[in-house]
Amino acid sequence: MTIAERSNDRIIAGNGRYKVWLEKKVLDHGLSYTLGGGEKSHIGGLVYKELDAEAKVIKVQGHYDLEVLLPIAEAACLKYKQPVVVTGGIHIDNATKDEIDIIINNCKELLKCI
């Protein structure tokens, strides 16, 4: 897997309906990330992470986006030593397990570029 695009505030991994993206906003103290992709980006969850504290999560019922949001929040907080919030979601209609695995792997590629 290669990163299709990278700029100061957005990275993209994957192609077609499996494409995922992550945007970063730098605040005076803290970072805000938005994750999206698939056929329809949405708000499927939210993670807030501070150093030396357990992550606070909001899970939207019926969504499983925390599986990819949480690792992003943890990695960014550890790397930048600042509070981090990550929100967003990725949706593909009637996704199979194999398609979900592709999306998760593409999100892992984004994680490498934080």
C-alpha atoms as a PDB file:
ATOM      1  CA  MET A   1       0.000   0.000   0.000  1.00  0.00           C
ATOM      2  CA  THR A   2       1.267   3.436  -0.857  1.00  0.00           C
ATOM      3  CA  ILE A   3       0.120   6.844   0.198  1.00  0.00           C
ATOM      4  CA  ALA A   4      -1.667   8.343  -2.784  1.00  0.00           C
ATOM      5  CA  GLU A   5      -1.366  11.922  -1.605  1.00  0.00           C
ATOM      6  CA  ARG A   6       0.252  13.814   1.224  1.00  0.00           C
ATOM      7  CA  SER A   7       0.259  17.448   2.211  1.00  0.00           C
ATOM      8  CA  ASN A   8       0.803  19.280   5.489  1.00  0.00           C
ATOM      9  CA  ASP A   9      -2.740  18.647   6.659  1.00  0.00           C
ATOM     10  CA  ARG A  10      -4.097  15.641   4.680  1.00  0.00           C
ATOM     11  CA  ILE A  11      -2.943  12.117   3.925  1.00  0.00           C
ATOM     12  CA  ILE A  12      -4.748   9.597   1.745  1.00  0.00           C
ATOM     13  CA  ALA A  13      -4.367   5.832   1.443  1.00  0.00           C
ATOM     14  CA  GLY A  14      -6.123   3.372  -0.822  1.00  0.00           C
ATOM     15  CA  ASN A  15      -8.077   3.691  -4.034  1.00  0.00           C
ATOM     16  CA  GLY A  16     -11.670   3.865  -5.178  1.00  0.00           C
ATOM     17  CA  ARG A  17     -14.263   2.963  -2.584  1.00  0.00           C
ATOM     18  CA  TYR A  18     -11.471   1.864  -0.228  1.00  0.00           C
ATOM     19  CA  LYS A  19      -9.783   5.275  -0.173  1.00  0.00           C
ATOM     20  CA  VAL A  20      -9.451   6.784   3.306  1.00  0.00           C
ATOM     21  CA  TRP A  21      -8.160  10.192   4.322  1.00  0.00           C
ATOM     22  CA  LEU A  22      -7.044  11.928   7.476  1.00  0.00           C
ATOM     23  CA  GLU A  23      -6.953  15.686   7.937  1.00  0.00           C
ATOM     24  CA  LYS A  24      -5.040  17.396  10.734  1.00  0.00           C
ATOM     25  CA  LYS A  25      -5.629  20.805  12.265  1.00  0.00           C
ATOM     26  CA  VAL A  26      -3.000  22.214  14.596  1.00  0.00           C
ATOM     27  CA  LEU A  27      -4.394  24.279  17.457  1.00  0.00           C
ATOM     28  CA  ASP A  28      -2.457  26.489  19.880  1.00  0.00           C
ATOM     29  CA  HIS A  29      -2.410  23.531  22.265  1.00  0.00           C
ATOM     30  CA  GLY A  30      -3.707  20.307  20.814  1.00  0.00           C
ATOM     31  CA  LEU A  31      -4.446  18.572  17.552  1.00  0.00           C
ATOM     32  CA  SER A  32      -7.728  17.805  15.840  1.00  0.00           C
ATOM     33  CA  TYR A  33      -7.983  15.011  13.273  1.00  0.00           C
ATOM     34  CA  THR A  34     -10.881  14.112  10.981  1.00  0.00           C
ATOM     35  CA  LEU A  35     -11.002  10.666   9.366  1.00  0.00           C
ATOM     36  CA  GLY A  36     -13.192   9.901   6.369  1.00  0.00           C
ATOM     37  CA  GLY A  37     -13.465   7.833   3.252  1.00  0.00           C
ATOM     38  CA  GLY A  38     -15.222   4.942   1.631  1.00  0.00           C
ATOM     39  CA  GLU A  39     -18.473   5.770  -0.118  1.00  0.00           C
ATOM     40  CA  LYS A  40     -19.725   8.088   2.603  1.00  0.00           C
ATOM     41  CA  SER A  41     -17.776   9.936   5.288  1.00  0.00           C
ATOM     42  CA  HIS A  42     -19.695  10.463   8.494  1.00  0.00           C
ATOM     43  CA  ILE A  43     -19.399  10.870  12.257  1.00  0.00           C
ATOM     44  CA  GLY A  44     -19.194   7.340  13.612  1.00  0.00           C
ATOM     45  CA  GLY A  45     -17.337   8.145  16.813  1.00  0.00           C
ATOM     46  CA  LEU A  46     -15.030  10.474  18.670  1.00  0.00           C
ATOM     47  CA  VAL A  47     -11.870   9.894  20.699  1.00  0.00           C
ATOM     48  CA  TYR A  48     -10.181  12.404  23.025  1.00  0.00           C
ATOM     49  CA  LYS A  49      -6.723  11.474  24.307  1.00  0.00           C
ATOM     50  CA  GLU A  50      -4.367  13.250  26.723  1.00  0.00           C
ATOM     51  CA  LEU A  51      -0.947  12.073  27.856  1.00  0.00           C
ATOM     52  CA  ASP A  52      -1.010   9.824  30.903  1.00  0.00           C
ATOM     53  CA  ALA A  53      -4.803   9.480  30.795  1.00  0.00           C
ATOM     54  CA  GLU A  54      -7.171   6.903  29.425  1.00  0.00           C
ATOM     55  CA  ALA A  55      -8.827   7.883  26.164  1.00  0.00           C
ATOM     56  CA  LYS A  56     -12.378   9.189  26.346  1.00  0.00           C
ATOM     57  CA  VAL A  57     -14.593   7.787  23.599  1.00  0.00           C
ATOM     58  CA  ILE A  58     -18.037   8.434  22.195  1.00  0.00           C
ATOM     59  CA  LYS A  59     -19.368   5.555  20.106  1.00  0.00           C
ATOM     60  CA  VAL A  60     -22.269   6.166  17.781  1.00  0.00           C
ATOM     61  CA  GLN A  61     -24.646   3.227  18.055  1.00  0.00           C
ATOM     62  CA  GLY A  62     -24.282   0.792  15.165  1.00  0.00           C
ATOM     63  CA  HIS A  63     -20.897   2.141  14.088  1.00  0.00           C
ATOM     64  CA  TYR A  64     -17.491   0.509  14.529  1.00  0.00           C
ATOM     65  CA  ASP A  65     -15.265   3.431  13.601  1.00  0.00           C
ATOM     66  CA  LEU A  66     -13.621   3.530  17.037  1.00  0.00           C
ATOM     67  CA  GLU A  67     -11.517   0.565  15.911  1.00  0.00           C
ATOM     68  CA  VAL A  68      -9.580   2.935  13.640  1.00  0.00           C
ATOM     69  CA  LEU A  69     -10.124   6.241  15.474  1.00  0.00           C
ATOM     70  CA  LEU A  70      -8.616   5.105  18.791  1.00  0.00           C
ATOM     71  CA  PRO A  71      -5.194   4.037  17.426  1.00  0.00           C
ATOM     72  CA  ILE A  72      -4.896   7.360  15.582  1.00  0.00           C
ATOM     73  CA  ALA A  73      -5.614   9.354  18.758  1.00  0.00           C
ATOM     74  CA  GLU A  74      -3.192   7.289  20.839  1.00  0.00           C
ATOM     75  CA  ALA A  75      -0.359   7.485  18.302  1.00  0.00           C
ATOM     76  CA  ALA A  76      -0.725  11.231  17.694  1.00  0.00           C
ATOM     77  CA  CYS A  77      -0.910  12.025  21.411  1.00  0.00           C
ATOM     78  CA  LEU A  78       2.193   9.970  22.130  1.00  0.00           C
ATOM     79  CA  LYS A  79       4.150  11.447  19.220  1.00  0.00           C
ATOM     80  CA  TYR A  80       3.249  15.114  19.699  1.00  0.00           C
ATOM     81  CA  LYS A  81       2.795  15.112  23.519  1.00  0.00           C
ATOM     82  CA  GLN A  82      -0.419  17.129  23.210  1.00  0.00           C
ATOM     83  CA  PRO A  83      -4.132  16.502  23.658  1.00  0.00           C
ATOM     84  CA  VAL A  84      -5.686  15.000  20.544  1.00  0.00           C
ATOM     85  CA  VAL A  85      -9.248  14.619  19.319  1.00  0.00           C
ATOM     86  CA  VAL A  86     -10.112  12.322  16.419  1.00  0.00           C
ATOM     87  CA  THR A  87     -13.561  12.107  14.880  1.00  0.00           C
ATOM     88  CA  GLY A  88     -15.091  10.743  11.725  1.00  0.00           C
ATOM     89  CA  GLY A  89     -16.117   7.566  10.038  1.00  0.00           C
ATOM     90  CA  ILE A  90     -15.871   5.477   6.902  1.00  0.00           C
ATOM     91  CA  HIS A  91     -18.817   3.800   5.240  1.00  0.00           C
ATOM     92  CA  ILE A  92     -19.219   1.314   2.390  1.00  0.00           C
ATOM     93  CA  ASP A  93     -22.701  -0.035   1.654  1.00  0.00           C
ATOM     94  CA  ASN A  94     -23.048  -3.749   2.439  1.00  0.00           C
ATOM     95  CA  ALA A  95     -19.316  -4.119   3.129  1.00  0.00           C
ATOM     96  CA  THR A  96     -17.987  -7.655   3.329  1.00  0.00           C
ATOM     97  CA  LYS A  97     -15.440  -8.715   5.941  1.00  0.00           C
ATOM     98  CA  ASP A  98     -12.725  -8.600   3.257  1.00  0.00           C
ATOM     99  CA  GLU A  99     -13.699  -5.028   2.348  1.00  0.00           C
ATOM    100  CA  ILE A 100     -13.663  -3.987   5.996  1.00  0.00           C
ATOM    101  CA  ASP A 101     -10.187  -5.515   6.310  1.00  0.00           C
ATOM    102  CA  ILE A 102      -9.012  -3.447   3.315  1.00  0.00           C
ATOM    103  CA  ILE A 103     -10.347  -0.269   4.942  1.00  0.00           C
ATOM    104  CA  ILE A 104      -8.692  -1.121   8.272  1.00  0.00           C
ATOM    105  CA  ASN A 105      -5.371  -1.810   6.526  1.00  0.00           C
ATOM    106  CA  ASN A 106      -5.608   1.494   4.658  1.00  0.00           C
ATOM    107  CA  CYS A 107      -6.204   3.239   7.998  1.00  0.00           C
ATOM    108  CA  LYS A 108      -3.080   1.544   9.346  1.00  0.00           C
ATOM    109  CA  GLU A 109      -1.165   3.114   6.448  1.00  0.00           C
ATOM    110  CA  LEU A 110      -2.474   6.523   7.514  1.00  0.00           C
ATOM    111  CA  LEU A 111      -1.361   5.778  11.063  1.00  0.00           C
ATOM    112  CA  LYS A 112       2.239   5.345   9.852  1.00  0.00           C
ATOM    113  CA  CYS A 113       2.213   8.904   8.516  1.00  0.00           C
ATOM    114  CA  ILE A 114       0.951  10.757  11.569  1.00  0.00           C
END
